[in-house]
Amino acid sequence: MTARHPLRFGLVVGQREAWPRLVARAQQTEVLGFDVAWVVDHFFGGSDEMDHTHEAYTVLAGLAPATERIRLGVMVCGNTYRNPVFLLKQAVTVDHISNGRVDFGIGAGWWEREHEAYGYDFPSPGELVGRFGEALDAIHSFQRNERTDFEGKYYRYVNTPFEPKSVQSNGLPIVIGASGPRMMRITAQHADIWNTRSPIDEAVRKSRLLDEKCNEIGRDPVEIQRSVWPGPSYLTSVDAFSEYVETFMNEGFTDFLFGWPRDDAEHEVLQRVAADVIPQLRGAS
C-alpha cells in the first residue's frame, strides 16, 4: 500500500499528573513540533488503581486554551462508557474550544475490571462489536444531519437534534482502534485513521486485513491513515526511535504515537529526535 498521508507524530501526555504538569506536557509537545497530544480513556491506573486519573475529555477541554496548534485526541474512548451521542457532544464541544483541533478516537471497550468498578455492563465480545457498529452508524448521522432517527438493536434515537457540528468542514476525523475481522469491517466503513499497538509483523497482517475489508465495501484502502502506538518505549535511544519509525513507514504507516518519557535520559532522546530525526523523516516522506 502506498501512503498518501503526511507523517504525524504524537505524544501521549497522560492524565495522572497534577494539572500544572499536564499543561506543561501539552505545551512542550507543541513547542517540540509534535502534531498531536493524546490522552487515554481510563478512570484509574492499570498497575495501581489508586493512581490519580483525570477524565479524558475534561482534560482535553482544559488543554485546548493552553495550546494553539497541536491536535488533541483520546486514544481511544470506550464506547461502553458513554452513550454515543453524549460522547460526540463532548468531543464537538472541545473541538469548538480548540477551534477545530480534535481527533475523535473510539473503540469497542475491553477492560472488564474498569466496567466492574464503575458499574458499567460488560457485554460479550459479539455484543461489544455490535454496539460499536451501531454507535458509529449513529455518529455518522449526527455529524452530517440536523436530526437523526435511528432504530438499532442496542441504540435508539428519535428525531434527535445535534448542533453545533464540528468546526472542521468534514466533521471530526474518526480514529478507531481495532483488530478482528468484524471490527476491521466497521473500521473500513467509518475510520479516517486506524490505530494498532501491535509489533510489525502483526501490524502488517492487520493492515492487510483492513485493506481486504475496504475492498469488500468498495473503499480505497489508502483513504485510511495507518497509525501505531508501540507498547515498549522507543525513546531509549535515537537509533531505536529512527529504526522503529522507518520500519513502519516502509509498510505504509504514517501516524506515530509515543508514550511520555519515563526519565531524564528518555527526555533527552525526545529532545534530540524532535530537533533532528523527525524533521529528516518528514523531508524524506
C-alpha atoms as a PDB file:
ATOM      1  CA  MET A   1       0.000   0.000   0.000  1.00  0.00           C
ATOM      2  CA  THR A   2       1.378   3.394  -0.991  1.00  0.00           C
ATOM      3  CA  ALA A   3       0.862   6.018   1.711  1.00  0.00           C
ATOM      4  CA  ARG A   4      -0.535   9.361   0.696  1.00  0.00           C
ATOM      5  CA  HIS A   5      -0.824  10.912   4.135  1.00  0.00           C
ATOM      6  CA  PRO A   6       1.710  13.272   5.688  1.00  0.00           C
ATOM      7  CA  LEU A   7       3.669  11.959   8.636  1.00  0.00           C
ATOM      8  CA  ARG A   8       2.225  12.743  12.051  1.00  0.00           C
ATOM      9  CA  PHE A   9       3.931  12.341  15.409  1.00  0.00           C
ATOM     10  CA  GLY A  10       2.089  12.432  18.714  1.00  0.00           C
ATOM     11  CA  LEU A  11       2.866  12.141  22.402  1.00  0.00           C
ATOM     12  CA  VAL A  12       0.601  10.539  24.980  1.00  0.00           C
ATOM     13  CA  VAL A  13       0.737  13.216  27.652  1.00  0.00           C
ATOM     14  CA  GLY A  14      -1.391  11.211  30.086  1.00  0.00           C
ATOM     15  CA  GLN A  15      -3.788  12.351  32.800  1.00  0.00           C
ATOM     16  CA  ARG A  16      -2.261  11.006  36.004  1.00  0.00           C
ATOM     17  CA  GLU A  17      -0.196  14.048  36.921  1.00  0.00           C
ATOM     18  CA  ALA A  18      -1.003  17.254  38.755  1.00  0.00           C
ATOM     19  CA  TRP A  19      -2.778  19.683  36.451  1.00  0.00           C
ATOM     20  CA  PRO A  20       0.112  22.165  36.026  1.00  0.00           C
ATOM     21  CA  ARG A  21       2.347  19.301  34.881  1.00  0.00           C
ATOM     22  CA  LEU A  22      -0.236  18.111  32.350  1.00  0.00           C
ATOM     23  CA  VAL A  23      -0.483  21.606  30.892  1.00  0.00           C
ATOM     24  CA  ALA A  24       3.305  21.825  30.734  1.00  0.00           C
ATOM     25  CA  ARG A  25       3.479  18.479  28.916  1.00  0.00           C
ATOM     26  CA  ALA A  26       0.965  19.566  26.283  1.00  0.00           C
ATOM     27  CA  GLN A  27       2.732  22.865  25.764  1.00  0.00           C
ATOM     28  CA  GLN A  28       6.093  21.140  25.461  1.00  0.00           C
ATOM     29  CA  THR A  29       4.598  18.713  22.934  1.00  0.00           C
ATOM     30  CA  GLU A  30       3.617  21.714  20.841  1.00  0.00           C
ATOM     31  CA  VAL A  31       6.950  23.524  21.245  1.00  0.00           C
ATOM     32  CA  LEU A  32       8.880  20.414  20.191  1.00  0.00           C
ATOM     33  CA  GLY A  33       6.966  20.314  16.908  1.00  0.00           C
ATOM     34  CA  PHE A  34       4.786  17.262  17.512  1.00  0.00           C
ATOM     35  CA  ASP A  35       1.404  17.118  15.825  1.00  0.00           C
ATOM     36  CA  VAL A  36      -0.929  15.610  18.421  1.00  0.00           C
ATOM     37  CA  ALA A  37      -1.273  15.441  22.204  1.00  0.00           C
ATOM     38  CA  TRP A  38      -3.131  12.291  23.256  1.00  0.00           C
ATOM     39  CA  VAL A  39      -4.761  11.108  26.461  1.00  0.00           C
ATOM     40  CA  VAL A  40      -6.430   7.748  27.171  1.00  0.00           C
ATOM     41  CA  ASP A  41      -9.946   6.882  28.305  1.00  0.00           C
ATOM     42  CA  HIS A  42      -9.445   5.250  31.674  1.00  0.00           C
ATOM     43  CA  PHE A  43     -10.649   6.130  35.150  1.00  0.00           C
ATOM     44  CA  PHE A  44      -7.869   4.591  37.241  1.00  0.00           C
ATOM     45  CA  GLY A  45      -4.364   3.225  36.790  1.00  0.00           C
ATOM     46  CA  GLY A  46      -3.581  -0.148  35.276  1.00  0.00           C
ATOM     47  CA  SER A  47      -0.810  -1.074  37.690  1.00  0.00           C
ATOM     48  CA  ASP A  48      -2.160   0.918  40.635  1.00  0.00           C
ATOM     49  CA  GLU A  49      -5.884   1.547  40.788  1.00  0.00           C
ATOM     50  CA  MET A  50      -5.300   4.406  43.240  1.00  0.00           C
ATOM     51  CA  ASP A  51      -3.324   6.445  40.701  1.00  0.00           C
ATOM     52  CA  HIS A  52      -4.917   9.872  40.403  1.00  0.00           C
ATOM     53  CA  THR A  53      -6.615   9.777  36.987  1.00  0.00           C
ATOM     54  CA  HIS A  54      -8.494  12.660  35.358  1.00  0.00           C
ATOM     55  CA  GLU A  55     -11.348  12.160  32.863  1.00  0.00           C
ATOM     56  CA  ALA A  56     -10.205  12.311  29.245  1.00  0.00           C
ATOM     57  CA  TYR A  57     -12.391  14.935  27.578  1.00  0.00           C
ATOM     58  CA  THR A  58     -12.315  17.184  30.636  1.00  0.00           C
ATOM     59  CA  VAL A  59      -8.524  17.125  30.320  1.00  0.00           C
ATOM     60  CA  LEU A  60      -8.685  17.978  26.610  1.00  0.00           C
ATOM     61  CA  ALA A  61     -11.087  20.846  27.296  1.00  0.00           C
ATOM     62  CA  GLY A  62      -8.537  22.258  29.725  1.00  0.00           C
ATOM     63  CA  LEU A  63      -5.591  21.739  27.389  1.00  0.00           C
ATOM     64  CA  ALA A  64      -7.300  23.352  24.398  1.00  0.00           C
ATOM     65  CA  PRO A  65      -6.921  27.011  25.512  1.00  0.00           C
ATOM     66  CA  ALA A  66      -3.401  26.255  26.817  1.00  0.00           C
ATOM     67  CA  THR A  67      -2.231  25.255  23.318  1.00  0.00           C
ATOM     68  CA  GLU A  68      -2.510  26.819  19.865  1.00  0.00           C
ATOM     69  CA  ARG A  69      -1.541  24.383  17.113  1.00  0.00           C
ATOM     70  CA  ILE A  70      -1.413  20.750  18.161  1.00  0.00           C
ATOM     71  CA  ARG A  71      -4.347  18.456  17.632  1.00  0.00           C
ATOM     72  CA  LEU A  72      -5.991  16.828  20.641  1.00  0.00           C
ATOM     73  CA  GLY A  73      -7.360  13.319  20.936  1.00  0.00           C
ATOM     74  CA  VAL A  74      -8.334  10.383  23.132  1.00  0.00           C
ATOM     75  CA  MET A  75      -6.668   7.074  22.212  1.00  0.00           C
ATOM     76  CA  VAL A  76      -9.371   5.730  22.319  1.00  0.00           C
ATOM     77  CA  CYS A  77     -12.729   6.251  24.073  1.00  0.00           C
ATOM     78  CA  GLY A  78     -14.518   3.114  25.178  1.00  0.00           C
ATOM     79  CA  ASN A  79     -17.911   3.023  23.506  1.00  0.00           C
ATOM     80  CA  THR A  80     -19.449   1.324  26.548  1.00  0.00           C
ATOM     81  CA  TYR A  81     -18.661   4.204  28.931  1.00  0.00           C
ATOM     82  CA  ARG A  82     -20.938   6.846  27.391  1.00  0.00           C
ATOM     83  CA  ASN A  83     -23.957   6.987  25.165  1.00  0.00           C
ATOM     84  CA  PRO A  84     -22.611   7.672  21.626  1.00  0.00           C
ATOM     85  CA  VAL A  85     -24.487  10.958  21.180  1.00  0.00           C
ATOM     86  CA  PHE A  86     -23.179  12.208  24.531  1.00  0.00           C
ATOM     87  CA  LEU A  87     -19.619  11.180  23.663  1.00  0.00           C
ATOM     88  CA  LEU A  88     -19.817  13.004  20.345  1.00  0.00           C
ATOM     89  CA  LYS A  89     -21.272  16.057  22.081  1.00  0.00           C
ATOM     90  CA  GLN A  90     -18.255  16.091  24.423  1.00  0.00           C
ATOM     91  CA  ALA A  91     -15.825  15.860  21.517  1.00  0.00           C
ATOM     92  CA  VAL A  92     -17.532  18.539  19.426  1.00  0.00           C
ATOM     93  CA  THR A  93     -17.567  20.885  22.415  1.00  0.00           C
ATOM     94  CA  VAL A  94     -13.791  20.512  22.774  1.00  0.00           C
ATOM     95  CA  ASP A  95     -13.490  20.943  19.009  1.00  0.00           C
ATOM     96  CA  HIS A  96     -15.105  24.376  19.350  1.00  0.00           C
ATOM     97  CA  ILE A  97     -12.961  25.307  22.350  1.00  0.00           C
ATOM     98  CA  SER A  98      -9.835  24.357  20.354  1.00  0.00           C
ATOM     99  CA  ASN A  99     -11.007  25.900  17.060  1.00  0.00           C
ATOM    100  CA  GLY A 100     -11.183  22.594  15.207  1.00  0.00           C
ATOM    101  CA  ARG A 101      -8.278  20.546  16.584  1.00  0.00           C
ATOM    102  CA  VAL A 102      -9.964  17.358  17.830  1.00  0.00           C
ATOM    103  CA  ASP A 103      -9.441  13.816  16.525  1.00  0.00           C
ATOM    104  CA  PHE A 104     -12.316  11.574  17.619  1.00  0.00           C
ATOM    105  CA  GLY A 105     -10.877   8.295  18.906  1.00  0.00           C
ATOM    106  CA  ILE A 106     -13.215   5.419  19.680  1.00  0.00           C
ATOM    107  CA  GLY A 107     -13.062   1.675  20.317  1.00  0.00           C
ATOM    108  CA  ALA A 108     -15.458  -1.061  21.381  1.00  0.00           C
ATOM    109  CA  GLY A 109     -14.279  -1.219  25.020  1.00  0.00           C
ATOM    110  CA  TRP A 110     -12.257  -4.029  26.582  1.00  0.00           C
ATOM    111  CA  TRP A 111     -11.237  -3.606  30.235  1.00  0.00           C
ATOM    112  CA  GLU A 112     -13.629  -5.750  32.262  1.00  0.00           C
ATOM    113  CA  ARG A 113     -12.292  -4.618  35.641  1.00  0.00           C
ATOM    114  CA  GLU A 114     -12.978  -0.971  34.840  1.00  0.00           C
ATOM    115  CA  HIS A 115     -16.549  -1.814  33.871  1.00  0.00           C
ATOM    116  CA  GLU A 116     -16.991  -3.713  37.114  1.00  0.00           C
ATOM    117  CA  ALA A 117     -15.524  -0.930  39.238  1.00  0.00           C
ATOM    118  CA  TYR A 118     -17.664   1.831  37.746  1.00  0.00           C
ATOM    119  CA  GLY A 119     -20.882  -0.117  37.332  1.00  0.00           C
ATOM    120  CA  TYR A 120     -20.917  -0.442  33.552  1.00  0.00           C
ATOM    121  CA  ASP A 121     -22.280  -3.619  32.000  1.00  0.00           C
ATOM    122  CA  PHE A 122     -19.579  -5.619  30.241  1.00  0.00           C
ATOM    123  CA  PRO A 123     -21.184  -7.347  27.252  1.00  0.00           C
ATOM    124  CA  SER A 124     -19.987 -10.403  25.382  1.00  0.00           C
ATOM    125  CA  PRO A 125     -17.414  -9.828  22.611  1.00  0.00           C
ATOM    126  CA  GLY A 126     -20.131 -10.164  19.983  1.00  0.00           C
ATOM    127  CA  GLU A 127     -22.322  -7.559  21.652  1.00  0.00           C
ATOM    128  CA  LEU A 128     -19.371  -5.202  22.148  1.00  0.00           C
ATOM    129  CA  VAL A 129     -18.774  -5.255  18.392  1.00  0.00           C
ATOM    130  CA  GLY A 130     -22.490  -4.953  17.608  1.00  0.00           C
ATOM    131  CA  ARG A 131     -22.821  -1.930  19.876  1.00  0.00           C
ATOM    132  CA  PHE A 132     -19.721  -0.398  18.343  1.00  0.00           C
ATOM    133  CA  GLY A 133     -21.025  -0.708  14.790  1.00  0.00           C
ATOM    134  CA  GLU A 134     -24.362   0.821  15.700  1.00  0.00           C
ATOM    135  CA  ALA A 135     -22.664   3.636  17.604  1.00  0.00           C
ATOM    136  CA  LEU A 136     -20.593   4.598  14.581  1.00  0.00           C
ATOM    137  CA  ASP A 137     -23.610   4.453  12.259  1.00  0.00           C
ATOM    138  CA  ALA A 138     -25.421   6.841  14.597  1.00  0.00           C
ATOM    139  CA  ILE A 139     -22.372   9.089  14.993  1.00  0.00           C
ATOM    140  CA  HIS A 140     -22.099   9.302  11.205  1.00  0.00           C
ATOM    141  CA  SER A 141     -25.661  10.615  11.084  1.00  0.00           C
ATOM    142  CA  PHE A 142     -25.196  13.048  13.985  1.00  0.00           C
ATOM    143  CA  GLN A 143     -22.157  14.549  12.261  1.00  0.00           C
ATOM    144  CA  ARG A 144     -23.999  15.119   8.977  1.00  0.00           C
ATOM    145  CA  ASN A 145     -27.696  15.615   9.665  1.00  0.00           C
ATOM    146  CA  GLU A 146     -29.669  18.183  11.623  1.00  0.00           C
ATOM    147  CA  ARG A 147     -31.815  15.419  13.117  1.00  0.00           C
ATOM    148  CA  THR A 148     -31.385  11.668  13.408  1.00  0.00           C
ATOM    149  CA  ASP A 149     -33.864   8.825  13.590  1.00  0.00           C
ATOM    150  CA  PHE A 150     -32.079   5.583  14.397  1.00  0.00           C
ATOM    151  CA  GLU A 151     -33.508   2.218  15.376  1.00  0.00           C
ATOM    152  CA  GLY A 152     -30.895  -0.400  16.212  1.00  0.00           C
ATOM    153  CA  LYS A 153     -30.680  -3.419  18.441  1.00  0.00           C
ATOM    154  CA  TYR A 154     -28.747  -1.513  21.113  1.00  0.00           C
ATOM    155  CA  TYR A 155     -29.377   2.198  20.454  1.00  0.00           C
ATOM    156  CA  ARG A 156     -32.496   4.151  19.581  1.00  0.00           C
ATOM    157  CA  TYR A 157     -32.694   7.844  18.706  1.00  0.00           C
ATOM    158  CA  VAL A 158     -35.948   9.610  17.889  1.00  0.00           C
ATOM    159  CA  ASN A 159     -35.855  12.864  15.933  1.00  0.00           C
ATOM    160  CA  THR A 160     -32.600  13.685  17.737  1.00  0.00           C
ATOM    161  CA  PRO A 161     -31.155  17.153  17.025  1.00  0.00           C
ATOM    162  CA  PHE A 162     -27.394  17.562  17.009  1.00  0.00           C
ATOM    163  CA  GLU A 163     -25.958  21.076  16.934  1.00  0.00           C
ATOM    164  CA  PRO A 164     -23.458  22.543  16.709  1.00  0.00           C
ATOM    165  CA  LYS A 165     -21.476  20.471  14.291  1.00  0.00           C
ATOM    166  CA  SER A 166     -17.693  20.249  14.327  1.00  0.00           C
ATOM    167  CA  VAL A 167     -15.676  23.309  13.363  1.00  0.00           C
ATOM    168  CA  GLN A 168     -13.932  21.030  10.852  1.00  0.00           C
ATOM    169  CA  SER A 169     -15.590  21.064   7.440  1.00  0.00           C
ATOM    170  CA  ASN A 170     -15.766  17.273   7.081  1.00  0.00           C
ATOM    171  CA  GLY A 171     -16.615  16.623  10.711  1.00  0.00           C
ATOM    172  CA  LEU A 172     -14.383  15.170  13.393  1.00  0.00           C
ATOM    173  CA  PRO A 173     -11.788  12.762  11.948  1.00  0.00           C
ATOM    174  CA  ILE A 174     -12.570   9.313  13.341  1.00  0.00           C
ATOM    175  CA  VAL A 175      -9.741   7.279  14.854  1.00  0.00           C
ATOM    176  CA  ILE A 176     -10.530   3.618  15.510  1.00  0.00           C
ATOM    177  CA  GLY A 177      -8.546   1.060  17.464  1.00  0.00           C
ATOM    178  CA  ALA A 178      -9.485  -2.390  16.118  1.00  0.00           C
ATOM    179  CA  SER A 179      -8.139  -5.818  15.169  1.00  0.00           C
ATOM    180  CA  GLY A 180     -10.596  -8.653  14.407  1.00  0.00           C
ATOM    181  CA  PRO A 181     -12.483  -9.184  11.128  1.00  0.00           C
ATOM    182  CA  ARG A 182     -15.810  -7.691  12.279  1.00  0.00           C
ATOM    183  CA  MET A 183     -14.092  -4.703  13.863  1.00  0.00           C
ATOM    184  CA  MET A 184     -11.975  -4.216  10.751  1.00  0.00           C
ATOM    185  CA  ARG A 185     -15.076  -4.119   8.574  1.00  0.00           C
ATOM    186  CA  ILE A 186     -16.525  -1.381  10.785  1.00  0.00           C
ATOM    187  CA  THR A 187     -13.169   0.398  10.581  1.00  0.00           C
ATOM    188  CA  ALA A 188     -13.252   0.176   6.791  1.00  0.00           C
ATOM    189  CA  GLN A 189     -16.684   1.787   6.799  1.00  0.00           C
ATOM    190  CA  HIS A 190     -16.027   4.640   9.210  1.00  0.00           C
ATOM    191  CA  ALA A 191     -12.366   5.337  10.017  1.00  0.00           C
ATOM    192  CA  ASP A 192     -10.147   8.153   8.871  1.00  0.00           C
ATOM    193  CA  ILE A 193      -7.303   6.720  10.958  1.00  0.00           C
ATOM    194  CA  TRP A 194      -6.803   3.139  12.157  1.00  0.00           C
ATOM    195  CA  ASN A 195      -4.525   2.539  15.156  1.00  0.00           C
ATOM    196  CA  THR A 196      -2.777  -0.598  16.337  1.00  0.00           C
ATOM    197  CA  ARG A 197      -0.397  -1.341  19.203  1.00  0.00           C
ATOM    198  CA  SER A 198       0.993  -4.469  17.543  1.00  0.00           C
ATOM    199  CA  PRO A 199       4.596  -5.322  16.626  1.00  0.00           C
ATOM    200  CA  ILE A 200       5.494  -5.003  12.968  1.00  0.00           C
ATOM    201  CA  ASP A 201       4.583  -8.460  11.634  1.00  0.00           C
ATOM    202  CA  GLU A 202       1.196  -8.474  13.345  1.00  0.00           C
ATOM    203  CA  ALA A 203       0.551  -4.846  12.444  1.00  0.00           C
ATOM    204  CA  VAL A 204       1.199  -5.562   8.764  1.00  0.00           C
ATOM    205  CA  ARG A 205      -1.129  -8.563   8.861  1.00  0.00           C
ATOM    206  CA  LYS A 206      -3.890  -6.471  10.409  1.00  0.00           C
ATOM    207  CA  SER A 207      -3.281  -3.639   7.958  1.00  0.00           C
ATOM    208  CA  ARG A 208      -3.715  -6.057   5.047  1.00  0.00           C
ATOM    209  CA  LEU A 209      -6.920  -7.350   6.623  1.00  0.00           C
ATOM    210  CA  LEU A 210      -8.143  -3.750   6.700  1.00  0.00           C
ATOM    211  CA  ASP A 211      -7.237  -3.448   3.004  1.00  0.00           C
ATOM    212  CA  GLU A 212      -9.369  -6.530   2.310  1.00  0.00           C
ATOM    213  CA  LYS A 213     -12.349  -5.127   4.204  1.00  0.00           C
ATOM    214  CA  CYS A 214     -12.042  -1.820   2.346  1.00  0.00           C
ATOM    215  CA  ASN A 215     -12.004  -3.642  -0.990  1.00  0.00           C
ATOM    216  CA  GLU A 216     -15.082  -5.645   0.027  1.00  0.00           C
ATOM    217  CA  ILE A 217     -17.125  -2.476   0.557  1.00  0.00           C
ATOM    218  CA  GLY A 218     -15.620  -0.561  -2.365  1.00  0.00           C
ATOM    219  CA  ARG A 219     -13.487   1.892  -0.424  1.00  0.00           C
ATOM    220  CA  ASP A 220      -9.946   2.830  -1.393  1.00  0.00           C
ATOM    221  CA  PRO A 221      -7.748   1.472   1.445  1.00  0.00           C
ATOM    222  CA  VAL A 222      -5.364   4.396   1.052  1.00  0.00           C
ATOM    223  CA  GLU A 223      -8.055   6.707   2.410  1.00  0.00           C
ATOM    224  CA  ILE A 224      -7.433   5.324   5.911  1.00  0.00           C
ATOM    225  CA  GLN A 225      -4.257   6.518   7.598  1.00  0.00           C
ATOM    226  CA  ARG A 226      -2.332   3.772   9.422  1.00  0.00           C
ATOM    227  CA  SER A 227      -1.285   4.588  12.970  1.00  0.00           C
ATOM    228  CA  VAL A 228       0.805   2.773  15.562  1.00  0.00           C
ATOM    229  CA  TRP A 229       1.432   3.217  19.277  1.00  0.00           C
ATOM    230  CA  PRO A 230       4.158   0.840  20.465  1.00  0.00           C
ATOM    231  CA  GLY A 231       3.947  -0.919  23.780  1.00  0.00           C
ATOM    232  CA  PRO A 232       7.696  -0.722  24.555  1.00  0.00           C
ATOM    233  CA  SER A 233       9.391   2.656  24.778  1.00  0.00           C
ATOM    234  CA  TYR A 234      11.370   3.614  21.682  1.00  0.00           C
ATOM    235  CA  LEU A 235      12.810   6.688  23.354  1.00  0.00           C
ATOM    236  CA  THR A 236      15.661   4.614  24.787  1.00  0.00           C
ATOM    237  CA  SER A 237      17.956   5.885  22.008  1.00  0.00           C
ATOM    238  CA  VAL A 238      17.841   7.953  18.836  1.00  0.00           C
ATOM    239  CA  ASP A 239      18.699   4.867  16.783  1.00  0.00           C
ATOM    240  CA  ALA A 240      15.870   2.842  18.348  1.00  0.00           C
ATOM    241  CA  PHE A 241      13.380   5.584  17.561  1.00  0.00           C
ATOM    242  CA  SER A 242      14.590   6.004  13.973  1.00  0.00           C
ATOM    243  CA  GLU A 243      14.662   2.287  13.236  1.00  0.00           C
ATOM    244  CA  TYR A 244      11.182   1.787  14.652  1.00  0.00           C
ATOM    245  CA  VAL A 245       9.601   4.616  12.648  1.00  0.00           C
ATOM    246  CA  GLU A 246      11.372   3.719   9.411  1.00  0.00           C
ATOM    247  CA  THR A 247      10.326   0.054   9.715  1.00  0.00           C
ATOM    248  CA  PHE A 248       6.665   1.028   9.957  1.00  0.00           C
ATOM    249  CA  MET A 249       6.955   3.760   7.326  1.00  0.00           C
ATOM    250  CA  ASN A 250       8.147   1.110   4.871  1.00  0.00           C
ATOM    251  CA  GLU A 251       4.831  -0.695   5.427  1.00  0.00           C
ATOM    252  CA  GLY A 252       2.673   2.376   4.836  1.00  0.00           C
ATOM    253  CA  PHE A 253       2.258   3.621   8.422  1.00  0.00           C
ATOM    254  CA  THR A 254       2.340   7.394   8.722  1.00  0.00           C
ATOM    255  CA  ASP A 255       0.955   8.198  12.185  1.00  0.00           C
ATOM    256  CA  PHE A 256       3.132   7.524  15.247  1.00  0.00           C
ATOM    257  CA  LEU A 257       2.363   7.845  18.951  1.00  0.00           C
ATOM    258  CA  PHE A 258       4.878   7.596  21.752  1.00  0.00           C
ATOM    259  CA  GLY A 259       4.450   7.479  25.497  1.00  0.00           C
ATOM    260  CA  TRP A 260       5.746  10.342  27.612  1.00  0.00           C
ATOM    261  CA  PRO A 261       9.449   9.931  28.553  1.00  0.00           C
ATOM    262  CA  ARG A 262       9.886   7.865  31.687  1.00  0.00           C
ATOM    263  CA  ASP A 263      13.079   9.517  32.928  1.00  0.00           C
ATOM    264  CA  ASP A 264      15.654  12.212  32.159  1.00  0.00           C
ATOM    265  CA  ALA A 265      17.543  10.001  29.695  1.00  0.00           C
ATOM    266  CA  GLU A 266      14.415   9.389  27.605  1.00  0.00           C
ATOM    267  CA  HIS A 267      13.544  13.054  27.803  1.00  0.00           C
ATOM    268  CA  GLU A 268      16.923  13.880  26.311  1.00  0.00           C
ATOM    269  CA  VAL A 269      16.280  11.414  23.483  1.00  0.00           C
ATOM    270  CA  LEU A 270      12.896  13.050  22.898  1.00  0.00           C
ATOM    271  CA  GLN A 271      14.559  16.441  22.522  1.00  0.00           C
ATOM    272  CA  ARG A 272      17.070  15.041  20.037  1.00  0.00           C
ATOM    273  CA  VAL A 273      14.572  13.192  17.847  1.00  0.00           C
ATOM    274  CA  ALA A 274      12.283  16.247  17.809  1.00  0.00           C
ATOM    275  CA  ALA A 275      15.145  18.509  16.708  1.00  0.00           C
ATOM    276  CA  ASP A 276      16.871  16.213  14.215  1.00  0.00           C
ATOM    277  CA  VAL A 277      15.185  12.911  13.350  1.00  0.00           C
ATOM    278  CA  ILE A 278      11.563  13.912  12.862  1.00  0.00           C
ATOM    279  CA  PRO A 279      12.363  16.841  10.507  1.00  0.00           C
ATOM    280  CA  GLN A 280      14.542  14.493   8.417  1.00  0.00           C
ATOM    281  CA  LEU A 281      11.790  11.882   8.278  1.00  0.00           C
ATOM    282  CA  ARG A 282       9.238  14.492   7.239  1.00  0.00           C
ATOM    283  CA  GLY A 283      11.558  15.685   4.497  1.00  0.00           C
ATOM    284  CA  ALA A 284      12.139  12.192   3.181  1.00  0.00           C
ATOM    285  CA  SER A 285       8.479  11.101   3.164  1.00  0.00           C
END
